[in-house]
Amino acid sequence: MKKFIALLMAALMILALASCAGKKTEESGPVSEPASDPVSEPASAENSVPEPVNVRVASLKGPTSMGLVNLMAKSEDGGLVNDYSFTVAGSADEITPKFIQGEFDIVSVPANLASVLWNRTEGKVKVLAVNTLGVLYILGKNVQITSVADLSGKTLYATGKGSTPEYGLKKILEQNGIDPENDVTIEWKSQPDEIVPLLKTSDSAVAMLPQPYVVAAMANVEGLEIKLSLNEEWNKFPENGGFITSVIAVRAEFAETHPEVIAEFLTAAHESCEKANSDAEGTAALVEKYVGIKAGVAKQALPKCNITFISGAEMKSALSAYLGVLFGYEPKSVGGQLPDDGFYYE
């Protein structure tokens, strides 16, 4: 009897222990499931890849766009993180209002226009880089011109009245002792295409034209030659700063909101300008595709377009000096007031 009771008590104890173990297992979950691996968990919103930004870029038909065509091709091929849309305009008037209204984010425009936009928007514009230096040349047919002084007494056909070509030309004339109002007759035309027929019919025509129109004019007018490079003449006076044709500007708000986009764009634009100088043939084909200038003309013009890429402190030094010259000559040419340091993206 005692033996039976002992066995019964042992059995009850075993059942009680089993019951407790089962209850503990239910409360803590199945012990056979491994702990979750934090590495395999979905990435949090903080670590997710940002969505590509749509960057709207506008430039002018000519050297300001020619230096960017390799960037355009890279974007089209999917070689950039962000999405870029490009507009190549025939005149700055097509770009300016849309840029002010926020329809373009980045623009390549004449250097003085960037300053005008800074004034008109009360500082809501920044310059990212200088992308083209002097592209103006003096051309002549059956005429002896070896220096700026030889322009005295001549009639000069030119384009760009009221913008950097006019101010640059007059500054160079003055620095060489020539009165632009009395010693030279300057006939301003609205488009380079208006000048070519005049060069054909004149026996001793002289003209100031930008690239790539120089190449086109020389191909159409027998005996027409490059006589002077205004970029070289400007650089004879170091106090002038660089003879800057165009710059790349950005809406300040866009630059502040998307610094990573600006970093990508600056790198890609720099590479594009370098390739425009090192691969004229490949770039010329892209110029025809994206800008509408025949590849043959573009190939000849590219080495004379002075395409460059200057940013940071060097850009600020060159551009501020150049705008200072324009301001001293005609304050309205830069918008009436010189930009402060916030104008320069560094």
C-alpha atoms as a PDB file:
ATOM      1  CA  MET A   1       0.000   0.000   0.000  1.00  0.00           C
ATOM      2  CA  LYS A   2       2.778   2.430   0.916  1.00  0.00           C
ATOM      3  CA  LYS A   3       4.556   1.557  -2.324  1.00  0.00           C
ATOM      4  CA  PHE A   4       1.389   2.322  -4.354  1.00  0.00           C
ATOM      5  CA  ILE A   5       0.951   5.714  -2.689  1.00  0.00           C
ATOM      6  CA  ALA A   6       4.590   6.603  -3.375  1.00  0.00           C
ATOM      7  CA  LEU A   7       4.221   5.768  -7.062  1.00  0.00           C
ATOM      8  CA  LEU A   8       1.005   7.797  -7.263  1.00  0.00           C
ATOM      9  CA  MET A   9       2.661  10.877  -5.726  1.00  0.00           C
ATOM     10  CA  ALA A  10       5.607  10.630  -8.149  1.00  0.00           C
ATOM     11  CA  ALA A  11       3.227  10.480 -11.123  1.00  0.00           C
ATOM     12  CA  LEU A  12       1.309  13.560  -9.935  1.00  0.00           C
ATOM     13  CA  MET A  13       4.564  15.522  -9.543  1.00  0.00           C
ATOM     14  CA  ILE A  14       5.624  14.674 -13.116  1.00  0.00           C
ATOM     15  CA  LEU A  15       2.231  15.797 -14.459  1.00  0.00           C
ATOM     16  CA  ALA A  16       2.455  19.083 -12.543  1.00  0.00           C
ATOM     17  CA  LEU A  17       5.938  19.845 -13.887  1.00  0.00           C
ATOM     18  CA  ALA A  18       4.837  19.098 -17.462  1.00  0.00           C
ATOM     19  CA  SER A  19       1.847  21.421 -17.096  1.00  0.00           C
ATOM     20  CA  CYS A  20       4.006  24.303 -15.879  1.00  0.00           C
ATOM     21  CA  ALA A  21       6.486  23.831 -18.719  1.00  0.00           C
ATOM     22  CA  GLY A  22       3.698  23.866 -21.302  1.00  0.00           C
ATOM     23  CA  LYS A  23       2.178  27.045 -19.877  1.00  0.00           C
ATOM     24  CA  LYS A  24       5.571  28.833 -19.935  1.00  0.00           C
ATOM     25  CA  THR A  25       6.112  27.807 -23.545  1.00  0.00           C
ATOM     26  CA  GLU A  26       2.723  29.208 -24.589  1.00  0.00           C
ATOM     27  CA  GLU A  27       3.419  32.545 -22.876  1.00  0.00           C
ATOM     28  CA  SER A  28       6.890  33.070 -24.368  1.00  0.00           C
ATOM     29  CA  GLY A  29       6.131  31.803 -27.883  1.00  0.00           C
ATOM     30  CA  PRO A  30       7.566  28.825 -29.734  1.00  0.00           C
ATOM     31  CA  VAL A  31      11.144  28.306 -28.640  1.00  0.00           C
ATOM     32  CA  SER A  32      12.073  26.735 -31.948  1.00  0.00           C
ATOM     33  CA  GLU A  33      11.688  30.019 -33.957  1.00  0.00           C
ATOM     34  CA  PRO A  34      14.956  31.981 -34.279  1.00  0.00           C
ATOM     35  CA  ALA A  35      15.139  35.639 -33.357  1.00  0.00           C
ATOM     36  CA  SER A  36      14.564  38.005 -36.271  1.00  0.00           C
ATOM     37  CA  ASP A  37      17.712  39.094 -38.176  1.00  0.00           C
ATOM     38  CA  PRO A  38      17.947  42.908 -38.202  1.00  0.00           C
ATOM     39  CA  VAL A  39      20.020  42.760 -41.383  1.00  0.00           C
ATOM     40  CA  SER A  40      17.177  41.142 -43.306  1.00  0.00           C
ATOM     41  CA  GLU A  41      14.539  43.646 -42.179  1.00  0.00           C
ATOM     42  CA  PRO A  42      13.273  46.175 -44.796  1.00  0.00           C
ATOM     43  CA  ALA A  43      15.246  49.442 -44.954  1.00  0.00           C
ATOM     44  CA  SER A  44      13.759  52.289 -42.994  1.00  0.00           C
ATOM     45  CA  ALA A  45      12.622  55.484 -44.688  1.00  0.00           C
ATOM     46  CA  GLU A  46      15.752  57.208 -43.416  1.00  0.00           C
ATOM     47  CA  ASN A  47      18.018  54.736 -45.262  1.00  0.00           C
ATOM     48  CA  SER A  48      16.002  54.502 -48.495  1.00  0.00           C
ATOM     49  CA  VAL A  49      17.428  55.765 -51.801  1.00  0.00           C
ATOM     50  CA  PRO A  50      16.047  59.266 -52.576  1.00  0.00           C
ATOM     51  CA  GLU A  51      13.796  59.691 -55.572  1.00  0.00           C
ATOM     52  CA  PRO A  52      15.478  61.230 -58.657  1.00  0.00           C
ATOM     53  CA  VAL A  53      14.917  64.955 -59.017  1.00  0.00           C
ATOM     54  CA  ASN A  54      13.644  66.394 -62.292  1.00  0.00           C
ATOM     55  CA  VAL A  55      16.143  69.125 -63.213  1.00  0.00           C
ATOM     56  CA  ARG A  56      15.016  71.610 -65.878  1.00  0.00           C
ATOM     57  CA  VAL A  57      17.964  73.129 -67.759  1.00  0.00           C
ATOM     58  CA  ALA A  58      17.903  75.851 -70.430  1.00  0.00           C
ATOM     59  CA  SER A  59      20.732  77.202 -72.585  1.00  0.00           C
ATOM     60  CA  LEU A  60      21.209  79.262 -75.731  1.00  0.00           C
ATOM     61  CA  LYS A  61      21.892  77.989 -79.226  1.00  0.00           C
ATOM     62  CA  GLY A  62      25.632  78.369 -79.668  1.00  0.00           C
ATOM     63  CA  PRO A  63      28.683  77.867 -77.442  1.00  0.00           C
ATOM     64  CA  THR A  64      26.632  78.024 -74.225  1.00  0.00           C
ATOM     65  CA  SER A  65      24.906  74.810 -75.302  1.00  0.00           C
ATOM     66  CA  MET A  66      27.804  73.288 -77.214  1.00  0.00           C
ATOM     67  CA  GLY A  67      29.747  72.760 -73.999  1.00  0.00           C
ATOM     68  CA  LEU A  68      26.813  70.897 -72.425  1.00  0.00           C
ATOM     69  CA  VAL A  69      25.933  68.441 -75.192  1.00  0.00           C
ATOM     70  CA  ASN A  70      28.005  65.626 -73.695  1.00  0.00           C
ATOM     71  CA  LEU A  71      26.035  66.075 -70.472  1.00  0.00           C
ATOM     72  CA  MET A  72      22.814  65.929 -72.482  1.00  0.00           C
ATOM     73  CA  ALA A  73      23.905  62.659 -74.072  1.00  0.00           C
ATOM     74  CA  LYS A  74      24.939  61.171 -70.729  1.00  0.00           C
ATOM     75  CA  SER A  75      21.567  62.057 -69.257  1.00  0.00           C
ATOM     76  CA  GLU A  76      19.698  60.532 -72.192  1.00  0.00           C
ATOM     77  CA  ASP A  77      21.743  57.323 -71.808  1.00  0.00           C
ATOM     78  CA  GLY A  78      20.747  57.062 -68.136  1.00  0.00           C
ATOM     79  CA  GLY A  79      24.231  57.812 -66.822  1.00  0.00           C
ATOM     80  CA  LEU A  80      23.077  60.302 -64.188  1.00  0.00           C
ATOM     81  CA  VAL A  81      21.176  59.803 -60.948  1.00  0.00           C
ATOM     82  CA  ASN A  82      18.686  62.591 -61.546  1.00  0.00           C
ATOM     83  CA  ASP A  83      16.383  63.237 -64.501  1.00  0.00           C
ATOM     84  CA  TYR A  84      17.315  66.187 -66.717  1.00  0.00           C
ATOM     85  CA  SER A  85      15.222  67.953 -69.334  1.00  0.00           C
ATOM     86  CA  PHE A  86      16.984  70.395 -71.671  1.00  0.00           C
ATOM     87  CA  THR A  87      15.707  73.402 -73.604  1.00  0.00           C
ATOM     88  CA  VAL A  88      17.903  75.072 -76.232  1.00  0.00           C
ATOM     89  CA  ALA A  89      16.539  78.549 -76.912  1.00  0.00           C
ATOM     90  CA  GLY A  90      17.223  80.952 -79.748  1.00  0.00           C
ATOM     91  CA  SER A  91      17.425  84.018 -77.511  1.00  0.00           C
ATOM     92  CA  ALA A  92      17.741  84.936 -73.847  1.00  0.00           C
ATOM     93  CA  ASP A  93      14.225  86.428 -73.961  1.00  0.00           C
ATOM     94  CA  GLU A  94      12.873  82.883 -74.227  1.00  0.00           C
ATOM     95  CA  ILE A  95      14.668  81.860 -71.031  1.00  0.00           C
ATOM     96  CA  THR A  96      14.539  84.867 -68.702  1.00  0.00           C
ATOM     97  CA  PRO A  97      10.823  85.032 -67.789  1.00  0.00           C
ATOM     98  CA  LYS A  98      10.514  81.281 -67.318  1.00  0.00           C
ATOM     99  CA  PHE A  99      13.583  81.200 -65.096  1.00  0.00           C
ATOM    100  CA  ILE A 100      12.213  84.006 -62.932  1.00  0.00           C
ATOM    101  CA  GLN A 101       8.862  82.206 -62.700  1.00  0.00           C
ATOM    102  CA  GLY A 102      10.547  78.969 -61.621  1.00  0.00           C
ATOM    103  CA  GLU A 103       9.950  76.996 -64.825  1.00  0.00           C
ATOM    104  CA  PHE A 104      13.707  76.437 -65.259  1.00  0.00           C
ATOM    105  CA  ASP A 105      16.062  75.420 -62.453  1.00  0.00           C
ATOM    106  CA  ILE A 106      19.462  75.878 -64.114  1.00  0.00           C
ATOM    107  CA  VAL A 107      20.293  78.147 -67.055  1.00  0.00           C
ATOM    108  CA  SER A 108      23.329  78.968 -69.151  1.00  0.00           C
ATOM    109  CA  VAL A 109      23.098  82.658 -70.044  1.00  0.00           C
ATOM    110  CA  PRO A 110      25.314  85.682 -70.812  1.00  0.00           C
ATOM    111  CA  ALA A 111      27.358  86.691 -67.782  1.00  0.00           C
ATOM    112  CA  ASN A 112      25.815  90.124 -67.422  1.00  0.00           C
ATOM    113  CA  LEU A 113      22.285  88.678 -67.692  1.00  0.00           C
ATOM    114  CA  ALA A 114      22.948  86.517 -64.643  1.00  0.00           C
ATOM    115  CA  SER A 115      23.744  89.690 -62.715  1.00  0.00           C
ATOM    116  CA  VAL A 116      20.607  91.370 -64.068  1.00  0.00           C
ATOM    117  CA  LEU A 117      18.548  88.385 -62.907  1.00  0.00           C
ATOM    118  CA  TRP A 118      20.164  88.573 -59.470  1.00  0.00           C
ATOM    119  CA  ASN A 119      19.018  92.179 -59.215  1.00  0.00           C
ATOM    120  CA  ARG A 120      15.523  91.525 -60.566  1.00  0.00           C
ATOM    121  CA  THR A 121      14.901  88.614 -58.174  1.00  0.00           C
ATOM    122  CA  GLU A 122      16.499  90.394 -55.207  1.00  0.00           C
ATOM    123  CA  GLY A 123      19.288  87.870 -54.787  1.00  0.00           C
ATOM    124  CA  LYS A 124      17.419  84.657 -55.614  1.00  0.00           C
ATOM    125  CA  VAL A 125      19.995  83.618 -58.224  1.00  0.00           C
ATOM    126  CA  LYS A 126      23.428  82.045 -57.800  1.00  0.00           C
ATOM    127  CA  VAL A 127      26.178  81.469 -60.348  1.00  0.00           C
ATOM    128  CA  LEU A 128      27.586  77.945 -60.418  1.00  0.00           C
ATOM    129  CA  ALA A 129      30.357  78.310 -62.995  1.00  0.00           C
ATOM    130  CA  VAL A 130      31.773  80.159 -65.978  1.00  0.00           C
ATOM    131  CA  ASN A 131      31.378  77.921 -69.030  1.00  0.00           C
ATOM    132  CA  THR A 132      32.401  80.079 -71.997  1.00  0.00           C
ATOM    133  CA  LEU A 133      35.021  82.772 -72.421  1.00  0.00           C
ATOM    134  CA  GLY A 134      35.326  85.169 -75.354  1.00  0.00           C
ATOM    135  CA  VAL A 135      33.817  83.902 -78.627  1.00  0.00           C
ATOM    136  CA  LEU A 136      33.902  87.173 -80.577  1.00  0.00           C
ATOM    137  CA  TYR A 137      36.125  87.691 -83.611  1.00  0.00           C
ATOM    138  CA  ILE A 138      36.801  90.537 -86.011  1.00  0.00           C
ATOM    139  CA  LEU A 139      36.528  89.361 -89.636  1.00  0.00           C
ATOM    140  CA  GLY A 140      37.650  91.186 -92.729  1.00  0.00           C
ATOM    141  CA  LYS A 141      37.740  90.859 -96.504  1.00  0.00           C
ATOM    142  CA  ASN A 142      40.281  92.704 -98.638  1.00  0.00           C
ATOM    143  CA  VAL A 143      41.296  94.838 -95.679  1.00  0.00           C
ATOM    144  CA  GLN A 144      44.488  95.130 -93.648  1.00  0.00           C
ATOM    145  CA  ILE A 145      43.826  94.693 -89.922  1.00  0.00           C
ATOM    146  CA  THR A 146      46.603  93.524 -87.620  1.00  0.00           C
ATOM    147  CA  SER A 147      45.686  95.425 -84.463  1.00  0.00           C
ATOM    148  CA  VAL A 148      42.696  97.075 -82.798  1.00  0.00           C
ATOM    149  CA  ALA A 149      44.072 100.451 -83.860  1.00  0.00           C
ATOM    150  CA  ASP A 150      43.462  99.460 -87.480  1.00  0.00           C
ATOM    151  CA  LEU A 151      39.700  99.534 -86.841  1.00  0.00           C
ATOM    152  CA  SER A 152      39.794 103.320 -86.673  1.00  0.00           C
ATOM    153  CA  GLY A 153      37.862 104.819 -89.575  1.00  0.00           C
ATOM    154  CA  LYS A 154      36.216 101.511 -90.471  1.00  0.00           C
ATOM    155  CA  THR A 155      32.533 100.544 -90.641  1.00  0.00           C
ATOM    156  CA  LEU A 156      31.948  97.502 -88.461  1.00  0.00           C
ATOM    157  CA  TYR A 157      28.902  95.255 -88.723  1.00  0.00           C
ATOM    158  CA  ALA A 158      28.077  93.589 -85.411  1.00  0.00           C
ATOM    159  CA  THR A 159      25.415  91.894 -83.296  1.00  0.00           C
ATOM    160  CA  GLY A 160      24.757  92.057 -79.566  1.00  0.00           C
ATOM    161  CA  LYS A 161      23.800  95.682 -78.975  1.00  0.00           C
ATOM    162  CA  GLY A 162      22.834  96.262 -75.349  1.00  0.00           C
ATOM    163  CA  SER A 163      24.645  93.164 -74.109  1.00  0.00           C
ATOM    164  CA  THR A 164      28.173  91.915 -73.485  1.00  0.00           C
ATOM    165  CA  PRO A 165      29.338  92.043 -77.144  1.00  0.00           C
ATOM    166  CA  GLU A 166      28.655  95.793 -77.285  1.00  0.00           C
ATOM    167  CA  TYR A 167      30.227  96.576 -73.930  1.00  0.00           C
ATOM    168  CA  GLY A 168      33.201  94.303 -74.539  1.00  0.00           C
ATOM    169  CA  LEU A 169      33.889  95.783 -77.977  1.00  0.00           C
ATOM    170  CA  LYS A 170      33.643  99.373 -76.763  1.00  0.00           C
ATOM    171  CA  LYS A 171      35.885  98.670 -73.775  1.00  0.00           C
ATOM    172  CA  ILE A 172      38.565  97.167 -76.031  1.00  0.00           C
ATOM    173  CA  LEU A 173      38.333 100.099 -78.430  1.00  0.00           C
ATOM    174  CA  GLU A 174      38.688 102.607 -75.606  1.00  0.00           C
ATOM    175  CA  GLN A 175      41.656 100.774 -74.101  1.00  0.00           C
ATOM    176  CA  ASN A 176      43.361 101.038 -77.485  1.00  0.00           C
ATOM    177  CA  GLY A 177      42.732 104.764 -77.777  1.00  0.00           C
ATOM    178  CA  ILE A 178      39.722 104.588 -80.105  1.00  0.00           C
ATOM    179  CA  ASP A 179      36.502 106.505 -79.430  1.00  0.00           C
ATOM    180  CA  PRO A 180      33.653 104.062 -80.190  1.00  0.00           C
ATOM    181  CA  GLU A 181      31.267 106.919 -80.929  1.00  0.00           C
ATOM    182  CA  ASN A 182      33.428 108.918 -83.313  1.00  0.00           C
ATOM    183  CA  ASP A 183      36.381 106.883 -84.604  1.00  0.00           C
ATOM    184  CA  VAL A 184      34.428 103.795 -85.708  1.00  0.00           C
ATOM    185  CA  THR A 185      31.030 103.399 -87.358  1.00  0.00           C
ATOM    186  CA  ILE A 186      29.263 100.437 -85.753  1.00  0.00           C
ATOM    187  CA  GLU A 187      26.161  99.157 -87.530  1.00  0.00           C
ATOM    188  CA  TRP A 188      24.240  96.889 -85.174  1.00  0.00           C
ATOM    189  CA  LYS A 189      22.190  94.008 -86.568  1.00  0.00           C
ATOM    190  CA  SER A 190      19.779  91.804 -84.666  1.00  0.00           C
ATOM    191  CA  GLN A 191      21.035  88.481 -86.068  1.00  0.00           C
ATOM    192  CA  PRO A 192      24.370  87.254 -87.501  1.00  0.00           C
ATOM    193  CA  ASP A 193      22.478  85.994 -90.557  1.00  0.00           C
ATOM    194  CA  GLU A 194      21.842  89.622 -91.526  1.00  0.00           C
ATOM    195  CA  ILE A 195      25.571  90.307 -91.722  1.00  0.00           C
ATOM    196  CA  VAL A 196      26.616  87.563 -94.141  1.00  0.00           C
ATOM    197  CA  PRO A 197      24.914  89.155 -97.218  1.00  0.00           C
ATOM    198  CA  LEU A 198      26.583  92.478 -96.375  1.00  0.00           C
ATOM    199  CA  LEU A 199      29.972  90.766 -96.274  1.00  0.00           C
ATOM    200  CA  LYS A 200      29.307  89.205 -99.669  1.00  0.00           C
ATOM    201  CA  THR A 201      28.455  92.466-101.409  1.00  0.00           C
ATOM    202  CA  SER A 202      31.089  94.701 -99.813  1.00  0.00           C
ATOM    203  CA  ASP A 203      34.613  94.920-101.194  1.00  0.00           C
ATOM    204  CA  SER A 204      36.172  95.798 -97.841  1.00  0.00           C
ATOM    205  CA  ALA A 205      33.714  94.645 -95.207  1.00  0.00           C
ATOM    206  CA  VAL A 206      34.594  94.284 -91.520  1.00  0.00           C
ATOM    207  CA  ALA A 207      32.411  92.462 -89.030  1.00  0.00           C
ATOM    208  CA  MET A 208      32.334  91.272 -85.445  1.00  0.00           C
ATOM    209  CA  LEU A 209      30.733  87.841 -85.115  1.00  0.00           C
ATOM    210  CA  PRO A 210      30.613  85.105 -82.482  1.00  0.00           C
ATOM    211  CA  GLN A 211      31.419  81.465 -83.038  1.00  0.00           C
ATOM    212  CA  PRO A 212      30.101  79.307 -84.623  1.00  0.00           C
ATOM    213  CA  TYR A 213      28.779  81.998 -86.997  1.00  0.00           C
ATOM    214  CA  VAL A 214      32.378  82.881 -87.824  1.00  0.00           C
ATOM    215  CA  VAL A 215      32.913  79.476 -89.427  1.00  0.00           C
ATOM    216  CA  ALA A 216      29.613  79.670 -91.294  1.00  0.00           C
ATOM    217  CA  ALA A 217      30.385  83.170 -92.615  1.00  0.00           C
ATOM    218  CA  MET A 218      33.863  82.191 -93.796  1.00  0.00           C
ATOM    219  CA  ALA A 219      32.378  79.228 -95.648  1.00  0.00           C
ATOM    220  CA  ASN A 220      29.933  81.511 -97.477  1.00  0.00           C
ATOM    221  CA  VAL A 221      32.045  84.587 -98.161  1.00  0.00           C
ATOM    222  CA  GLU A 222      35.107  84.168-100.343  1.00  0.00           C
ATOM    223  CA  GLY A 223      38.221  85.847 -98.985  1.00  0.00           C
ATOM    224  CA  LEU A 224      36.805  86.430 -95.494  1.00  0.00           C
ATOM    225  CA  GLU A 225      39.440  85.963 -92.770  1.00  0.00           C
ATOM    226  CA  ILE A 226      39.745  86.167 -89.001  1.00  0.00           C
ATOM    227  CA  LYS A 227      41.685  89.329 -88.215  1.00  0.00           C
ATOM    228  CA  LEU A 228      41.441  89.636 -84.432  1.00  0.00           C
ATOM    229  CA  SER A 229      40.292  87.588 -81.462  1.00  0.00           C
ATOM    230  CA  LEU A 230      38.584  89.903 -78.978  1.00  0.00           C
ATOM    231  CA  ASN A 231      39.303  87.373 -76.249  1.00  0.00           C
ATOM    232  CA  GLU A 232      43.034  87.817 -76.859  1.00  0.00           C
ATOM    233  CA  GLU A 233      42.701  91.605 -77.049  1.00  0.00           C
ATOM    234  CA  TRP A 234      40.750  91.693 -73.788  1.00  0.00           C
ATOM    235  CA  ASN A 235      43.344  89.587 -71.995  1.00  0.00           C
ATOM    236  CA  LYS A 236      46.061  92.126 -72.831  1.00  0.00           C
ATOM    237  CA  PHE A 237      44.601  94.151 -69.958  1.00  0.00           C
ATOM    238  CA  PRO A 238      44.666  91.851 -66.872  1.00  0.00           C
ATOM    239  CA  GLU A 239      42.647  94.321 -64.818  1.00  0.00           C
ATOM    240  CA  ASN A 240      39.664  93.466 -67.038  1.00  0.00           C
ATOM    241  CA  GLY A 241      39.292  90.019 -65.508  1.00  0.00           C
ATOM    242  CA  GLY A 242      38.238  87.213 -67.837  1.00  0.00           C
ATOM    243  CA  PHE A 243      36.368  88.060 -71.046  1.00  0.00           C
ATOM    244  CA  ILE A 244      33.371  85.985 -70.016  1.00  0.00           C
ATOM    245  CA  THR A 245      30.647  85.151 -72.492  1.00  0.00           C
ATOM    246  CA  SER A 246      28.353  82.904 -70.475  1.00  0.00           C
ATOM    247  CA  VAL A 247      27.837  81.421 -67.041  1.00  0.00           C
ATOM    248  CA  ILE A 248      25.699  78.688 -65.516  1.00  0.00           C
ATOM    249  CA  ALA A 249      23.203  80.041 -62.986  1.00  0.00           C
ATOM    250  CA  VAL A 250      20.709  78.356 -60.665  1.00  0.00           C
ATOM    251  CA  ARG A 251      17.685  79.395 -58.657  1.00  0.00           C
ATOM    252  CA  ALA A 252      18.999  79.880 -55.120  1.00  0.00           C
ATOM    253  CA  GLU A 253      16.057  77.989 -53.619  1.00  0.00           C
ATOM    254  CA  PHE A 254      16.725  74.977 -55.840  1.00  0.00           C
ATOM    255  CA  ALA A 255      20.428  74.958 -54.911  1.00  0.00           C
ATOM    256  CA  GLU A 256      19.629  75.106 -51.194  1.00  0.00           C
ATOM    257  CA  THR A 257      16.985  72.377 -51.436  1.00  0.00           C
ATOM    258  CA  HIS A 258      18.992  69.991 -53.630  1.00  0.00           C
ATOM    259  CA  PRO A 259      22.732  70.327 -52.894  1.00  0.00           C
ATOM    260  CA  GLU A 260      23.281  66.728 -54.009  1.00  0.00           C
ATOM    261  CA  VAL A 261      21.787  67.568 -57.423  1.00  0.00           C
ATOM    262  CA  ILE A 262      24.079  70.569 -57.784  1.00  0.00           C
ATOM    263  CA  ALA A 263      27.084  68.410 -56.923  1.00  0.00           C
ATOM    264  CA  GLU A 264      26.143  65.884 -59.607  1.00  0.00           C
ATOM    265  CA  PHE A 265      25.428  68.582 -62.181  1.00  0.00           C
ATOM    266  CA  LEU A 266      28.704  70.417 -61.578  1.00  0.00           C
ATOM    267  CA  THR A 267      30.702  67.215 -62.007  1.00  0.00           C
ATOM    268  CA  ALA A 268      28.833  66.217 -65.162  1.00  0.00           C
ATOM    269  CA  ALA A 269      28.999  69.727 -66.661  1.00  0.00           C
ATOM    270  CA  HIS A 270      32.736  69.928 -65.987  1.00  0.00           C
ATOM    271  CA  GLU A 271      33.288  66.577 -67.721  1.00  0.00           C
ATOM    272  CA  SER A 272      31.084  67.683 -70.619  1.00  0.00           C
ATOM    273  CA  CYS A 273      33.084  70.874 -71.201  1.00  0.00           C
ATOM    274  CA  GLU A 274      36.383  69.005 -71.016  1.00  0.00           C
ATOM    275  CA  LYS A 275      35.170  66.483 -73.595  1.00  0.00           C
ATOM    276  CA  ALA A 276      34.010  69.310 -75.880  1.00  0.00           C
ATOM    277  CA  ASN A 277      37.647  70.444 -75.997  1.00  0.00           C
ATOM    278  CA  SER A 278      39.265  67.004 -76.251  1.00  0.00           C
ATOM    279  CA  ASP A 279      36.837  65.308 -78.668  1.00  0.00           C
ATOM    280  CA  ALA A 280      35.736  67.833 -81.274  1.00  0.00           C
ATOM    281  CA  GLU A 281      34.448  65.212 -83.716  1.00  0.00           C
ATOM    282  CA  GLY A 282      32.304  63.315 -81.198  1.00  0.00           C
ATOM    283  CA  THR A 283      31.032  66.515 -79.630  1.00  0.00           C
ATOM    284  CA  ALA A 284      30.228  68.028 -83.028  1.00  0.00           C
ATOM    285  CA  ALA A 285      27.902  65.127 -83.810  1.00  0.00           C
ATOM    286  CA  LEU A 286      26.079  65.768 -80.535  1.00  0.00           C
ATOM    287  CA  VAL A 287      25.927  69.507 -81.277  1.00  0.00           C
ATOM    288  CA  GLU A 288      24.051  68.731 -84.479  1.00  0.00           C
ATOM    289  CA  LYS A 289      21.699  66.376 -82.599  1.00  0.00           C
ATOM    290  CA  TYR A 290      20.891  68.572 -79.617  1.00  0.00           C
ATOM    291  CA  VAL A 291      21.616  72.139 -80.755  1.00  0.00           C
ATOM    292  CA  GLY A 292      20.845  72.032 -84.463  1.00  0.00           C
ATOM    293  CA  ILE A 293      24.199  73.313 -85.717  1.00  0.00           C
ATOM    294  CA  LYS A 294      25.684  71.211 -88.505  1.00  0.00           C
ATOM    295  CA  ALA A 295      28.423  68.864 -87.315  1.00  0.00           C
ATOM    296  CA  GLY A 296      30.888  70.137 -89.922  1.00  0.00           C
ATOM    297  CA  VAL A 297      30.491  73.714 -88.737  1.00  0.00           C
ATOM    298  CA  ALA A 298      30.573  72.719 -85.077  1.00  0.00           C
ATOM    299  CA  LYS A 299      33.765  70.698 -85.501  1.00  0.00           C
ATOM    300  CA  GLN A 300      35.608  73.698 -86.933  1.00  0.00           C
ATOM    301  CA  ALA A 301      34.141  76.133 -84.409  1.00  0.00           C
ATOM    302  CA  LEU A 302      34.657  74.152 -81.195  1.00  0.00           C
ATOM    303  CA  PRO A 303      38.413  74.851 -80.849  1.00  0.00           C
ATOM    304  CA  LYS A 304      37.692  78.590 -81.141  1.00  0.00           C
ATOM    305  CA  CYS A 305      34.689  78.730 -78.798  1.00  0.00           C
ATOM    306  CA  ASN A 306      36.813  78.987 -75.638  1.00  0.00           C
ATOM    307  CA  ILE A 307      34.584  76.522 -73.809  1.00  0.00           C
ATOM    308  CA  THR A 308      35.788  76.240 -70.236  1.00  0.00           C
ATOM    309  CA  PHE A 309      34.612  75.366 -66.743  1.00  0.00           C
ATOM    310  CA  ILE A 310      35.604  77.662 -63.904  1.00  0.00           C
ATOM    311  CA  SER A 311      33.935  77.357 -60.510  1.00  0.00           C
ATOM    312  CA  GLY A 312      34.528  78.228 -56.865  1.00  0.00           C
ATOM    313  CA  ALA A 313      36.944  80.969 -55.827  1.00  0.00           C
ATOM    314  CA  GLU A 314      38.507  81.256 -59.298  1.00  0.00           C
ATOM    315  CA  MET A 315      35.080  81.798 -60.834  1.00  0.00           C
ATOM    316  CA  LYS A 316      34.234  84.448 -58.254  1.00  0.00           C
ATOM    317  CA  SER A 317      37.487  86.327 -58.872  1.00  0.00           C
ATOM    318  CA  ALA A 318      37.183  86.322 -62.677  1.00  0.00           C
ATOM    319  CA  LEU A 319      33.476  87.072 -62.841  1.00  0.00           C
ATOM    320  CA  SER A 320      33.413  89.810 -60.204  1.00  0.00           C
ATOM    321  CA  ALA A 321      36.248  91.622 -62.006  1.00  0.00           C
ATOM    322  CA  TYR A 322      34.467  91.321 -65.347  1.00  0.00           C
ATOM    323  CA  LEU A 323      31.138  92.555 -63.958  1.00  0.00           C
ATOM    324  CA  GLY A 324      33.025  95.407 -62.315  1.00  0.00           C
ATOM    325  CA  VAL A 325      34.317  96.508 -65.725  1.00  0.00           C
ATOM    326  CA  LEU A 326      30.815  96.391 -67.202  1.00  0.00           C
ATOM    327  CA  PHE A 327      29.375  98.261 -64.230  1.00  0.00           C
ATOM    328  CA  GLY A 328      31.977 100.994 -64.607  1.00  0.00           C
ATOM    329  CA  TYR A 329      31.100 101.302 -68.277  1.00  0.00           C
ATOM    330  CA  GLU A 330      27.294 100.978 -67.964  1.00  0.00           C
ATOM    331  CA  PRO A 331      25.645 100.109 -64.590  1.00  0.00           C
ATOM    332  CA  LYS A 332      22.453  99.030 -66.358  1.00  0.00           C
ATOM    333  CA  SER A 333      24.385  96.283 -68.128  1.00  0.00           C
ATOM    334  CA  VAL A 334      24.591  94.343 -64.840  1.00  0.00           C
ATOM    335  CA  GLY A 335      21.214  95.349 -63.486  1.00  0.00           C
ATOM    336  CA  GLY A 336      22.190  98.593 -61.809  1.00  0.00           C
ATOM    337  CA  GLN A 337      24.033  97.064 -58.862  1.00  0.00           C
ATOM    338  CA  LEU A 338      26.944  94.654 -58.513  1.00  0.00           C
ATOM    339  CA  PRO A 339      26.011  91.334 -56.862  1.00  0.00           C
ATOM    340  CA  ASP A 340      27.237  90.603 -53.338  1.00  0.00           C
ATOM    341  CA  ASP A 341      29.113  87.458 -52.243  1.00  0.00           C
ATOM    342  CA  GLY A 342      25.886  85.466 -52.042  1.00  0.00           C
ATOM    343  CA  PHE A 343      25.731  85.554 -55.850  1.00  0.00           C
ATOM    344  CA  TYR A 344      28.658  83.150 -56.120  1.00  0.00           C
ATOM    345  CA  TYR A 345      28.061  79.455 -55.369  1.00  0.00           C
ATOM    346  CA  GLU A 346      31.113  78.175 -53.481  1.00  0.00           C
END
